Amino acid sequence: MSTTVSLRESEETFIREMRSYVMTLKQQQKKSGYLARKEAKSALIRTGVLTEEGKEKEKIVTWE
C-alpha cells in the first residue's frame, strides 16, 4: 500500500511565494548585500525566529 501526500493549494502557494522571496533576496544581494541582510534579518524577527534585539531564540515553537 502506498501513501500519497498531496499539498493543499494554500501550501503550494506558500511554497511558490517563498521561492520567489528567496530569489528576490538573492538578486538584491548582488546589488546590495547590506540591504539583503537587513531584509532577511527583519523577516527572521517578524516571523519569531530572532528576538527584537536580533538574537536567536532558544525556543522558536513551544506547545506550552
PDB file of N, CA and C in Angstrom:
ATOM      1  N   MET A   1       0.847  -1.165   0.000  1.00  0.00           N
ATOM      2  CA  MET A   1       0.000   0.000   0.000  1.00  0.00           C
ATOM      3  C   MET A   1       0.901   1.240   0.000  1.00  0.00           C
ATOM      4  N   SER A   2       0.606   2.176  -0.863  1.00  0.00           N
ATOM      5  CA  SER A   2       1.420   3.389  -0.898  1.00  0.00           C
ATOM      6  C   SER A   2       0.602   4.573  -0.404  1.00  0.00           C
ATOM      7  N   THR A   3       1.299   5.485   0.182  1.00  0.00           N
ATOM      8  CA  THR A   3       0.653   6.687   0.693  1.00  0.00           C
ATOM      9  C   THR A   3       1.080   7.854  -0.173  1.00  0.00           C
ATOM     10  N   THR A   4       0.128   8.608  -0.619  1.00  0.00           N
ATOM     11  CA  THR A   4       0.428   9.772  -1.438  1.00  0.00           C
ATOM     12  C   THR A   4       0.130  11.019  -0.628  1.00  0.00           C
ATOM     13  N   VAL A   5       1.121  11.884  -0.574  1.00  0.00           N
ATOM     14  CA  VAL A   5       0.937  13.146   0.134  1.00  0.00           C
ATOM     15  C   VAL A   5       0.622  14.205  -0.903  1.00  0.00           C
ATOM     16  N   SER A   6      -0.500  14.825  -0.745  1.00  0.00           N
ATOM     17  CA  SER A   6      -0.836  15.902  -1.673  1.00  0.00           C
ATOM     18  C   SER A   6      -0.918  17.199  -0.895  1.00  0.00           C
ATOM     19  N   LEU A   7      -0.275  18.200  -1.434  1.00  0.00           N
ATOM     20  CA  LEU A   7      -0.291  19.500  -0.788  1.00  0.00           C
ATOM     21  C   LEU A   7      -1.568  20.240  -1.133  1.00  0.00           C
ATOM     22  N   ARG A   8      -2.092  20.911  -0.151  1.00  0.00           N
ATOM     23  CA  ARG A   8      -3.250  21.745  -0.417  1.00  0.00           C
ATOM     24  C   ARG A   8      -2.805  22.955  -1.216  1.00  0.00           C
ATOM     25  N   GLU A   9      -3.721  23.560  -1.917  1.00  0.00           N
ATOM     26  CA  GLU A   9      -3.382  24.697  -2.763  1.00  0.00           C
ATOM     27  C   GLU A   9      -2.725  25.817  -1.961  1.00  0.00           C
ATOM     28  N   SER A  10      -3.181  26.061  -0.744  1.00  0.00           N
ATOM     29  CA  SER A  10      -2.583  27.126   0.063  1.00  0.00           C
ATOM     30  C   SER A  10      -1.123  26.813   0.388  1.00  0.00           C
ATOM     31  N   GLU A  11      -0.806  25.541   0.603  1.00  0.00           N
ATOM     32  CA  GLU A  11       0.574  25.151   0.868  1.00  0.00           C
ATOM     33  C   GLU A  11       1.428  25.322  -0.379  1.00  0.00           C
ATOM     34  N   GLU A  12       0.883  24.972  -1.534  1.00  0.00           N
ATOM     35  CA  GLU A  12       1.609  25.150  -2.786  1.00  0.00           C
ATOM     36  C   GLU A  12       1.853  26.630  -3.051  1.00  0.00           C
ATOM     37  N   THR A  13       0.856  27.454  -2.762  1.00  0.00           N
ATOM     38  CA  THR A  13       1.005  28.898  -2.926  1.00  0.00           C
ATOM     39  C   THR A  13       2.096  29.416  -2.005  1.00  0.00           C
ATOM     40  N   PHE A  14       2.111  28.957  -0.763  1.00  0.00           N
ATOM     41  CA  PHE A  14       3.134  29.365   0.194  1.00  0.00           C
ATOM     42  C   PHE A  14       4.530  29.015  -0.321  1.00  0.00           C
ATOM     43  N   ILE A  15       4.687  27.814  -0.838  1.00  0.00           N
ATOM     44  CA  ILE A  15       5.982  27.369  -1.356  1.00  0.00           C
ATOM     45  C   ILE A  15       6.412  28.233  -2.539  1.00  0.00           C
ATOM     46  N   ARG A  16       5.494  28.512  -3.452  1.00  0.00           N
ATOM     47  CA  ARG A  16       5.820  29.372  -4.603  1.00  0.00           C
ATOM     48  C   ARG A  16       6.243  30.763  -4.140  1.00  0.00           C
ATOM     49  N   GLU A  17       5.519  31.314  -3.169  1.00  0.00           N
ATOM     50  CA  GLU A  17       5.843  32.650  -2.674  1.00  0.00           C
ATOM     51  C   GLU A  17       7.187  32.675  -1.961  1.00  0.00           C
ATOM     52  N   MET A  18       7.507  31.624  -1.221  1.00  0.00           N
ATOM     53  CA  MET A  18       8.808  31.557  -0.551  1.00  0.00           C
ATOM     54  C   MET A  18       9.941  31.455  -1.565  1.00  0.00           C
ATOM     55  N   ARG A  19       9.748  30.659  -2.612  1.00  0.00           N
ATOM     56  CA  ARG A  19      10.764  30.572  -3.669  1.00  0.00           C
ATOM     57  C   ARG A  19      10.998  31.939  -4.292  1.00  0.00           C
ATOM     58  N   SER A  20       9.915  32.642  -4.572  1.00  0.00           N
ATOM     59  CA  SER A  20      10.007  33.975  -5.158  1.00  0.00           C
ATOM     60  C   SER A  20      10.734  34.930  -4.214  1.00  0.00           C
ATOM     61  N   TYR A  21      10.411  34.857  -2.929  1.00  0.00           N
ATOM     62  CA  TYR A  21      11.044  35.716  -1.924  1.00  0.00           C
ATOM     63  C   TYR A  21      12.551  35.458  -1.859  1.00  0.00           C
ATOM     64  N   VAL A  22      12.937  34.195  -1.848  1.00  0.00           N
ATOM     65  CA  VAL A  22      14.362  33.841  -1.785  1.00  0.00           C
ATOM     66  C   VAL A  22      15.082  34.312  -3.049  1.00  0.00           C
ATOM     67  N   MET A  23      14.463  34.136  -4.207  1.00  0.00           N
ATOM     68  CA  MET A  23      15.074  34.607  -5.457  1.00  0.00           C
ATOM     69  C   MET A  23      15.246  36.125  -5.428  1.00  0.00           C
ATOM     70  N   THR A  24      14.255  36.833  -4.901  1.00  0.00           N
ATOM     71  CA  THR A  24      14.347  38.285  -4.795  1.00  0.00           C
ATOM     72  C   THR A  24      15.494  38.687  -3.878  1.00  0.00           C
ATOM     73  N   LEU A  25      15.641  38.001  -2.749  1.00  0.00           N
ATOM     74  CA  LEU A  25      16.750  38.298  -1.840  1.00  0.00           C
ATOM     75  C   LEU A  25      18.099  38.036  -2.500  1.00  0.00           C
ATOM     76  N   LYS A  26      18.195  36.963  -3.270  1.00  0.00           N
ATOM     77  CA  LYS A  26      19.452  36.657  -3.960  1.00  0.00           C
ATOM     78  C   LYS A  26      19.795  37.739  -4.973  1.00  0.00           C
ATOM     79  N   GLN A  27      18.795  38.228  -5.699  1.00  0.00           N
ATOM     80  CA  GLN A  27      19.025  39.312  -6.655  1.00  0.00           C
ATOM     81  C   GLN A  27      19.411  40.593  -5.927  1.00  0.00           C
ATOM     82  N   GLN A  28      18.742  40.864  -4.816  1.00  0.00           N
ATOM     83  CA  GLN A  28      19.035  42.060  -4.037  1.00  0.00           C
ATOM     84  C   GLN A  28      20.450  41.989  -3.466  1.00  0.00           C
ATOM     85  N   GLN A  29      20.889  40.788  -3.110  1.00  0.00           N
ATOM     86  CA  GLN A  29      22.225  40.615  -2.549  1.00  0.00           C
ATOM     87  C   GLN A  29      23.296  41.028  -3.554  1.00  0.00           C
ATOM     88  N   LYS A  30      23.051  40.762  -4.829  1.00  0.00           N
ATOM     89  CA  LYS A  30      24.009  41.151  -5.865  1.00  0.00           C
ATOM     90  C   LYS A  30      24.130  42.666  -5.954  1.00  0.00           C
ATOM     91  N   LYS A  31      23.007  43.366  -5.737  1.00  0.00           N
ATOM     92  CA  LYS A  31      23.004  44.828  -5.806  1.00  0.00           C
ATOM     93  C   LYS A  31      23.523  45.440  -4.515  1.00  0.00           C
ATOM     94  N   SER A  32      23.060  44.938  -3.395  1.00  0.00           N
ATOM     95  CA  SER A  32      23.451  45.472  -2.092  1.00  0.00           C
ATOM     96  C   SER A  32      23.339  44.380  -1.039  1.00  0.00           C
ATOM     97  N   GLY A  33      24.468  43.815  -0.686  1.00  0.00           N
ATOM     98  CA  GLY A  33      24.493  42.772   0.330  1.00  0.00           C
ATOM     99  C   GLY A  33      23.937  43.266   1.657  1.00  0.00           C
ATOM    100  N   TYR A  34      24.219  44.539   1.972  1.00  0.00           N
ATOM    101  CA  TYR A  34      23.741  45.113   3.232  1.00  0.00           C
ATOM    102  C   TYR A  34      22.220  45.123   3.293  1.00  0.00           C
ATOM    103  N   LEU A  35      21.579  45.597   2.228  1.00  0.00           N
ATOM    104  CA  LEU A  35      20.116  45.662   2.211  1.00  0.00           C
ATOM    105  C   LEU A  35      19.486  44.271   2.238  1.00  0.00           C
ATOM    106  N   ALA A  36      20.111  43.318   1.557  1.00  0.00           N
ATOM    107  CA  ALA A  36      19.590  41.947   1.555  1.00  0.00           C
ATOM    108  C   ALA A  36      19.663  41.346   2.955  1.00  0.00           C
ATOM    109  N   ARG A  37      20.794  41.548   3.641  1.00  0.00           N
ATOM    110  CA  ARG A  37      20.935  41.034   5.012  1.00  0.00           C
ATOM    111  C   ARG A  37      19.937  41.712   5.953  1.00  0.00           C
ATOM    112  N   LYS A  38      19.757  43.025   5.757  1.00  0.00           N
ATOM    113  CA  LYS A  38      18.815  43.776   6.596  1.00  0.00           C
ATOM    114  C   LYS A  38      17.391  43.235   6.425  1.00  0.00           C
ATOM    115  N   GLU A  39      16.990  42.978   5.185  1.00  0.00           N
ATOM    116  CA  GLU A  39      15.652  42.436   4.913  1.00  0.00           C
ATOM    117  C   GLU A  39      15.506  41.031   5.487  1.00  0.00           C
ATOM    118  N   ALA A  40      16.526  40.194   5.311  1.00  0.00           N
ATOM    119  CA  ALA A  40      16.466  38.822   5.825  1.00  0.00           C
ATOM    120  C   ALA A  40      16.367  38.823   7.351  1.00  0.00           C
ATOM    121  N   LYS A  41      17.156  39.671   8.005  1.00  0.00           N
ATOM    122  CA  LYS A  41      17.116  39.751   9.467  1.00  0.00           C
ATOM    123  C   LYS A  41      15.749  40.246   9.931  1.00  0.00           C
ATOM    124  N   SER A  42      15.216  41.232   9.238  1.00  0.00           N
ATOM    125  CA  SER A  42      13.890  41.757   9.565  1.00  0.00           C
ATOM    126  C   SER A  42      12.828  40.660   9.458  1.00  0.00           C
ATOM    127  N   ALA A  43      12.936  39.832   8.427  1.00  0.00           N
ATOM    128  CA  ALA A  43      11.979  38.735   8.240  1.00  0.00           C
ATOM    129  C   ALA A  43      12.094  37.712   9.366  1.00  0.00           C
ATOM    130  N   LEU A  44      13.315  37.430   9.806  1.00  0.00           N
ATOM    131  CA  LEU A  44      13.511  36.470  10.897  1.00  0.00           C
ATOM    132  C   LEU A  44      12.950  37.004  12.217  1.00  0.00           C
ATOM    133  N   ILE A  45      13.068  38.308  12.424  1.00  0.00           N
ATOM    134  CA  ILE A  45      12.478  38.922  13.619  1.00  0.00           C
ATOM    135  C   ILE A  45      10.960  38.891  13.508  1.00  0.00           C
ATOM    136  N   ARG A  46      10.444  39.276  12.345  1.00  0.00           N
ATOM    137  CA  ARG A  46       8.997  39.333  12.109  1.00  0.00           C
ATOM    138  C   ARG A  46       8.332  37.965  12.293  1.00  0.00           C
ATOM    139  N   THR A  47       9.022  36.908  11.899  1.00  0.00           N
ATOM    140  CA  THR A  47       8.444  35.564  11.990  1.00  0.00           C
ATOM    141  C   THR A  47       8.741  34.868  13.317  1.00  0.00           C
ATOM    142  N   GLY A  48       9.471  35.540  14.203  1.00  0.00           N
ATOM    143  CA  GLY A  48       9.688  34.999  15.539  1.00  0.00           C
ATOM    144  C   GLY A  48      10.881  34.087  15.698  1.00  0.00           C
ATOM    145  N   VAL A  49      11.762  34.029  14.707  1.00  0.00           N
ATOM    146  CA  VAL A  49      12.965  33.195  14.820  1.00  0.00           C
ATOM    147  C   VAL A  49      14.016  33.919  15.661  1.00  0.00           C
ATOM    148  N   LEU A  50      14.079  35.246  15.503  1.00  0.00           N
ATOM    149  CA  LEU A  50      15.001  36.071  16.281  1.00  0.00           C
ATOM    150  C   LEU A  50      14.214  36.977  17.218  1.00  0.00           C
ATOM    151  N   THR A  51      14.870  37.398  18.304  1.00  0.00           N
ATOM    152  CA  THR A  51      14.256  38.365  19.210  1.00  0.00           C
ATOM    153  C   THR A  51      14.294  39.742  18.557  1.00  0.00           C
ATOM    154  N   GLU A  52      13.628  40.710  19.171  1.00  0.00           N
ATOM    155  CA  GLU A  52      13.641  42.086  18.658  1.00  0.00           C
ATOM    156  C   GLU A  52      15.064  42.649  18.620  1.00  0.00           C
ATOM    157  N   GLU A  53      15.938  42.126  19.478  1.00  0.00           N
ATOM    158  CA  GLU A  53      17.337  42.565  19.504  1.00  0.00           C
ATOM    159  C   GLU A  53      18.181  41.856  18.450  1.00  0.00           C
ATOM    160  N   GLY A  54      17.576  40.912  17.735  1.00  0.00           N
ATOM    161  CA  GLY A  54      18.285  40.200  16.679  1.00  0.00           C
ATOM    162  C   GLY A  54      19.034  38.963  17.150  1.00  0.00           C
ATOM    163  N   LYS A  55      18.747  38.510  18.355  1.00  0.00           N
ATOM    164  CA  LYS A  55      19.413  37.308  18.875  1.00  0.00           C
ATOM    165  C   LYS A  55      18.530  36.089  18.640  1.00  0.00           C
ATOM    166  N   GLU A  56      19.180  34.932  18.457  1.00  0.00           N
ATOM    167  CA  GLU A  56      18.425  33.687  18.248  1.00  0.00           C
ATOM    168  C   GLU A  56      17.591  33.357  19.473  1.00  0.00           C
ATOM    169  N   LYS A  57      16.361  32.926  19.230  1.00  0.00           N
ATOM    170  CA  LYS A  57      15.522  32.476  20.332  1.00  0.00           C
ATOM    171  C   LYS A  57      15.919  31.050  20.686  1.00  0.00           C
ATOM    172  N   GLU A  58      15.867  30.745  21.972  1.00  0.00           N
ATOM    173  CA  GLU A  58      16.188  29.389  22.401  1.00  0.00           C
ATOM    174  C   GLU A  58      15.126  28.412  21.916  1.00  0.00           C
ATOM    175  N   LYS A  59      13.858  28.831  22.014  1.00  0.00           N
ATOM    176  CA  LYS A  59      12.748  28.013  21.535  1.00  0.00           C
ATOM    177  C   LYS A  59      11.955  28.845  20.539  1.00  0.00           C
ATOM    178  N   ILE A  60      11.827  28.346  19.331  1.00  0.00           N
ATOM    179  CA  ILE A  60      11.058  29.055  18.312  1.00  0.00           C
ATOM    180  C   ILE A  60       9.587  28.706  18.443  1.00  0.00           C
ATOM    181  N   VAL A  61       9.302  27.441  18.671  1.00  0.00           N
ATOM    182  CA  VAL A  61       7.923  26.977  18.811  1.00  0.00           C
ATOM    183  C   VAL A  61       7.803  26.224  20.124  1.00  0.00           C
ATOM    184  N   THR A  62       6.796  26.583  20.890  1.00  0.00           N
ATOM    185  CA  THR A  62       6.525  25.830  22.110  1.00  0.00           C
ATOM    186  C   THR A  62       5.054  25.460  22.125  1.00  0.00           C
ATOM    187  N   TRP A  63       4.757  24.386  22.777  1.00  0.00           N
ATOM    188  CA  TRP A  63       3.372  23.932  22.872  1.00  0.00           C
ATOM    189  C   TRP A  63       2.812  24.210  24.254  1.00  0.00           C
ATOM    190  N   GLU A  64       3.502  25.033  25.010  1.00  0.00           N
ATOM    191  CA  GLU A  64       3.074  25.339  26.381  1.00  0.00           C
ATOM    192  C   GLU A  64       2.213  26.566  26.404  1.00  0.00           C
TER     193      GLU A  64
END
